[in-house]
Amino acid sequence: MTVWNASANFDERVFDAPERLRLDRTPDKHCTFAYGPHFCLGAYLARTEIEAVLEGLRDRVADMEQTGPSRPVYSNFLNGLCALPLALKPA
């Protein structure tokens, strides 16, 4: 038996346009950090780190351009990219 978190986070019954990255999505009931007694202890640190990265990009980058092909993570547990080559244009 295995848990398919990556699949659960793309449930069209829960998420409108689940394939799109929408930072303003509410409610945001994704399964990334689990729930209840299995909630990830590092979730708060991870969210703080992600917030810092996104704020830094927002404040320092005017535009981004993809410079090569993206490569997906091949996993039944994760869904995302292991590589996304970008050129960042300073603000």
N, C-alpha and C. Protein backbone atom coordinates (compact mmCIF):
# COMPACT_ATOMS: atom_id res chain seq x y z
N MET A 1 0.84 -1.16 0.00
CA MET A 1 0.00 0.00 0.00
C MET A 1 0.90 1.24 0.00
N THR A 2 0.46 2.27 -0.67
CA THR A 2 1.21 3.52 -0.71
C THR A 2 0.25 4.70 -0.72
N VAL A 3 0.73 5.82 -0.25
CA VAL A 3 -0.04 7.06 -0.27
C VAL A 3 0.41 7.87 -1.48
N TRP A 4 -0.52 8.36 -2.25
CA TRP A 4 -0.22 9.15 -3.43
C TRP A 4 -0.56 10.62 -3.14
N ASN A 5 0.27 11.27 -2.31
CA ASN A 5 0.05 12.69 -1.98
C ASN A 5 0.02 13.54 -3.23
N ALA A 6 0.90 13.26 -4.15
CA ALA A 6 0.98 14.07 -5.38
C ALA A 6 -0.35 14.02 -6.12
N SER A 7 -0.97 12.87 -6.15
CA SER A 7 -2.26 12.73 -6.82
C SER A 7 -3.35 13.45 -6.04
N ALA A 8 -3.34 13.35 -4.73
CA ALA A 8 -4.36 13.99 -3.90
C ALA A 8 -4.34 15.50 -4.06
N ASN A 9 -3.18 16.08 -4.24
CA ASN A 9 -3.07 17.53 -4.39
C ASN A 9 -3.60 18.02 -5.73
N PHE A 10 -3.94 17.12 -6.63
CA PHE A 10 -4.47 17.49 -7.94
C PHE A 10 -5.93 17.05 -8.10
N ASP A 11 -6.62 16.84 -6.99
CA ASP A 11 -8.01 16.42 -7.02
C ASP A 11 -8.88 17.56 -7.51
N GLU A 12 -9.48 17.40 -8.68
CA GLU A 12 -10.30 18.45 -9.28
C GLU A 12 -11.58 18.72 -8.50
N ARG A 13 -11.97 17.80 -7.62
CA ARG A 13 -13.16 18.04 -6.78
C ARG A 13 -12.84 19.00 -5.64
N VAL A 14 -11.54 19.15 -5.32
CA VAL A 14 -11.11 20.02 -4.22
C VAL A 14 -10.51 21.32 -4.73
N PHE A 15 -9.75 21.25 -5.82
CA PHE A 15 -9.00 22.40 -6.32
C PHE A 15 -9.49 22.85 -7.68
N ASP A 16 -9.74 24.13 -7.82
CA ASP A 16 -10.04 24.73 -9.11
C ASP A 16 -8.73 24.89 -9.87
N ALA A 17 -8.63 24.33 -11.07
CA ALA A 17 -7.40 24.38 -11.89
C ALA A 17 -6.20 23.89 -11.08
N PRO A 18 -6.19 22.62 -10.65
CA PRO A 18 -5.14 22.11 -9.78
C PRO A 18 -3.74 22.13 -10.39
N GLU A 19 -3.63 22.18 -11.70
CA GLU A 19 -2.32 22.15 -12.35
C GLU A 19 -1.64 23.52 -12.34
N ARG A 20 -2.34 24.58 -11.95
CA ARG A 20 -1.79 25.94 -11.95
C ARG A 20 -1.27 26.31 -10.57
N LEU A 21 -0.11 26.97 -10.52
CA LEU A 21 0.42 27.51 -9.27
C LEU A 21 -0.30 28.82 -9.00
N ARG A 22 -1.12 28.82 -7.98
CA ARG A 22 -1.86 30.04 -7.61
C ARG A 22 -1.59 30.32 -6.14
N LEU A 23 -0.81 31.33 -5.87
CA LEU A 23 -0.43 31.67 -4.51
C LEU A 23 -1.61 32.23 -3.72
N ASP A 24 -2.64 32.69 -4.41
CA ASP A 24 -3.81 33.27 -3.73
C ASP A 24 -4.95 32.28 -3.56
N ARG A 25 -4.71 31.00 -3.80
CA ARG A 25 -5.78 29.99 -3.74
C ARG A 25 -6.29 29.84 -2.31
N THR A 26 -7.61 29.94 -2.16
CA THR A 26 -8.24 29.69 -0.86
C THR A 26 -9.55 28.95 -1.08
N PRO A 27 -9.88 28.00 -0.24
CA PRO A 27 -9.00 27.44 0.78
C PRO A 27 -7.91 26.61 0.13
N ASP A 28 -6.82 26.45 0.80
CA ASP A 28 -5.65 25.75 0.27
C ASP A 28 -5.46 24.44 1.05
N LYS A 29 -6.34 23.50 0.82
CA LYS A 29 -6.34 22.24 1.59
C LYS A 29 -5.52 21.16 0.90
N HIS A 30 -4.27 21.47 0.60
CA HIS A 30 -3.41 20.46 -0.03
C HIS A 30 -2.87 19.51 1.04
N CYS A 31 -2.34 18.39 0.59
CA CYS A 31 -1.87 17.33 1.50
C CYS A 31 -0.36 17.33 1.69
N THR A 32 0.31 18.40 1.30
CA THR A 32 1.77 18.42 1.30
C THR A 32 2.37 18.11 2.67
N PHE A 33 1.82 18.69 3.73
CA PHE A 33 2.39 18.49 5.06
C PHE A 33 1.55 17.56 5.93
N ALA A 34 0.60 16.83 5.34
CA ALA A 34 -0.26 15.87 6.03
C ALA A 34 -1.24 16.56 6.97
N TYR A 35 -1.88 15.77 7.81
CA TYR A 35 -2.90 16.28 8.73
C TYR A 35 -2.82 15.55 10.06
N GLY A 36 -3.46 16.12 11.06
CA GLY A 36 -3.64 15.46 12.36
C GLY A 36 -2.33 15.04 13.00
N PRO A 37 -2.29 13.83 13.58
CA PRO A 37 -1.10 13.39 14.30
C PRO A 37 0.11 13.18 13.39
N HIS A 38 -0.11 13.13 12.09
CA HIS A 38 0.98 12.92 11.14
C HIS A 38 1.45 14.22 10.51
N PHE A 39 0.98 15.37 11.03
CA PHE A 39 1.37 16.67 10.48
C PHE A 39 2.88 16.85 10.60
N CYS A 40 3.50 17.32 9.55
CA CYS A 40 4.95 17.46 9.48
C CYS A 40 5.46 18.52 10.46
N LEU A 41 6.41 18.14 11.30
CA LEU A 41 6.97 19.08 12.27
C LEU A 41 7.74 20.21 11.59
N GLY A 42 8.27 19.96 10.39
CA GLY A 42 9.03 20.97 9.68
C GLY A 42 8.18 21.88 8.80
N ALA A 43 6.87 21.72 8.82
CA ALA A 43 5.99 22.48 7.94
C ALA A 43 6.12 23.98 8.15
N TYR A 44 6.20 24.41 9.40
CA TYR A 44 6.27 25.86 9.67
C TYR A 44 7.57 26.45 9.16
N LEU A 45 8.67 25.74 9.34
CA LEU A 45 9.95 26.20 8.82
C LEU A 45 9.92 26.22 7.29
N ALA A 46 9.39 25.17 6.68
CA ALA A 46 9.32 25.10 5.22
C ALA A 46 8.48 26.25 4.66
N ARG A 47 7.36 26.56 5.29
CA ARG A 47 6.51 27.66 4.82
C ARG A 47 7.22 29.00 4.97
N THR A 48 7.96 29.17 6.06
CA THR A 48 8.71 30.40 6.28
C THR A 48 9.80 30.56 5.22
N GLU A 49 10.50 29.46 4.90
CA GLU A 49 11.54 29.51 3.88
C GLU A 49 10.96 29.82 2.50
N ILE A 50 9.84 29.20 2.17
CA ILE A 50 9.20 29.46 0.87
C ILE A 50 8.75 30.91 0.78
N GLU A 51 8.18 31.43 1.87
CA GLU A 51 7.75 32.83 1.89
C GLU A 51 8.94 33.77 1.67
N ALA A 52 10.08 33.49 2.29
CA ALA A 52 11.26 34.33 2.13
C ALA A 52 11.77 34.31 0.68
N VAL A 53 11.77 33.14 0.07
CA VAL A 53 12.22 33.02 -1.33
C VAL A 53 11.29 33.80 -2.25
N LEU A 54 9.98 33.62 -2.08
CA LEU A 54 9.03 34.31 -2.95
C LEU A 54 9.08 35.82 -2.76
N GLU A 55 9.23 36.28 -1.52
CA GLU A 55 9.36 37.72 -1.29
C GLU A 55 10.63 38.28 -1.93
N GLY A 56 11.72 37.53 -1.82
CA GLY A 56 12.97 37.96 -2.44
C GLY A 56 12.85 38.05 -3.95
N LEU A 57 12.20 37.06 -4.56
CA LEU A 57 11.98 37.11 -6.00
C LEU A 57 11.10 38.29 -6.38
N ARG A 58 10.04 38.50 -5.63
CA ARG A 58 9.12 39.60 -5.93
C ARG A 58 9.82 40.95 -5.85
N ASP A 59 10.69 41.11 -4.86
CA ASP A 59 11.35 42.40 -4.64
C ASP A 59 12.55 42.63 -5.56
N ARG A 60 13.19 41.59 -6.02
CA ARG A 60 14.46 41.75 -6.74
C ARG A 60 14.43 41.35 -8.21
N VAL A 61 13.34 40.71 -8.65
CA VAL A 61 13.29 40.20 -10.03
C VAL A 61 12.12 40.83 -10.77
N ALA A 62 12.42 41.41 -11.93
CA ALA A 62 11.38 42.04 -12.75
C ALA A 62 10.72 41.03 -13.68
N ASP A 63 11.50 40.05 -14.14
CA ASP A 63 10.97 39.09 -15.09
C ASP A 63 11.81 37.82 -15.05
N MET A 64 11.19 36.72 -15.43
CA MET A 64 11.88 35.43 -15.54
C MET A 64 11.61 34.84 -16.91
N GLU A 65 12.64 34.19 -17.45
CA GLU A 65 12.48 33.54 -18.75
C GLU A 65 13.06 32.13 -18.65
N GLN A 66 12.28 31.15 -19.07
CA GLN A 66 12.77 29.78 -19.05
C GLN A 66 13.81 29.61 -20.15
N THR A 67 14.98 29.07 -19.79
CA THR A 67 16.10 28.97 -20.73
C THR A 67 16.38 27.54 -21.20
N GLY A 68 15.64 26.60 -20.71
CA GLY A 68 15.84 25.21 -21.10
C GLY A 68 14.66 24.38 -20.65
N PRO A 69 14.68 23.11 -20.99
CA PRO A 69 13.55 22.26 -20.62
C PRO A 69 13.51 21.96 -19.12
N SER A 70 12.31 21.90 -18.58
CA SER A 70 12.16 21.49 -17.19
C SER A 70 12.24 19.97 -17.12
N ARG A 71 12.61 19.47 -15.94
CA ARG A 71 12.67 18.02 -15.73
C ARG A 71 11.82 17.68 -14.51
N PRO A 72 10.86 16.77 -14.65
CA PRO A 72 9.99 16.43 -13.53
C PRO A 72 10.70 15.51 -12.53
N VAL A 73 10.20 15.53 -11.31
CA VAL A 73 10.61 14.55 -10.30
C VAL A 73 9.79 13.30 -10.57
N TYR A 74 10.44 12.16 -10.65
CA TYR A 74 9.73 10.91 -10.87
C TYR A 74 9.56 10.22 -9.52
N SER A 75 8.35 10.35 -8.97
CA SER A 75 8.09 9.83 -7.63
C SER A 75 6.59 9.62 -7.46
N ASN A 76 6.22 8.63 -6.67
CA ASN A 76 4.81 8.47 -6.34
C ASN A 76 4.45 9.27 -5.09
N PHE A 77 5.44 9.92 -4.48
CA PHE A 77 5.22 10.67 -3.26
C PHE A 77 5.26 12.19 -3.50
N LEU A 78 6.06 12.61 -4.47
CA LEU A 78 6.24 14.03 -4.76
C LEU A 78 5.76 14.36 -6.16
N ASN A 79 5.38 15.59 -6.35
CA ASN A 79 5.05 16.07 -7.69
C ASN A 79 5.71 17.43 -7.83
N GLY A 80 6.55 17.57 -8.81
CA GLY A 80 7.22 18.85 -9.01
C GLY A 80 8.35 18.71 -10.01
N LEU A 81 9.25 19.65 -9.95
CA LEU A 81 10.38 19.69 -10.89
C LEU A 81 11.68 19.50 -10.14
N CYS A 82 12.60 18.77 -10.74
CA CYS A 82 13.94 18.66 -10.18
C CYS A 82 14.86 19.66 -10.86
N ALA A 83 14.42 20.23 -12.01
CA ALA A 83 15.21 21.25 -12.69
C ALA A 83 14.27 22.17 -13.47
N LEU A 84 14.55 23.46 -13.37
CA LEU A 84 13.83 24.48 -14.14
C LEU A 84 14.79 25.62 -14.43
N PRO A 85 15.52 25.54 -15.54
CA PRO A 85 16.49 26.59 -15.86
C PRO A 85 15.79 27.91 -16.18
N LEU A 86 16.19 28.95 -15.46
CA LEU A 86 15.60 30.27 -15.63
C LEU A 86 16.67 31.35 -15.75
N ALA A 87 16.37 32.39 -16.50
CA ALA A 87 17.17 33.60 -16.50
C ALA A 87 16.35 34.66 -15.78
N LEU A 88 16.94 35.26 -14.76
CA LEU A 88 16.23 36.26 -13.96
C LEU A 88 16.68 37.64 -14.39
N LYS A 89 15.72 38.54 -14.62
CA LYS A 89 16.04 39.91 -14.99
C LYS A 89 15.84 40.78 -13.75
N PRO A 90 16.88 41.51 -13.31
CA PRO A 90 16.76 42.28 -12.07
C PRO A 90 15.73 43.40 -12.17
N ALA A 91 15.15 43.69 -11.02
CA ALA A 91 14.14 44.76 -10.94
C ALA A 91 14.82 46.12 -11.05
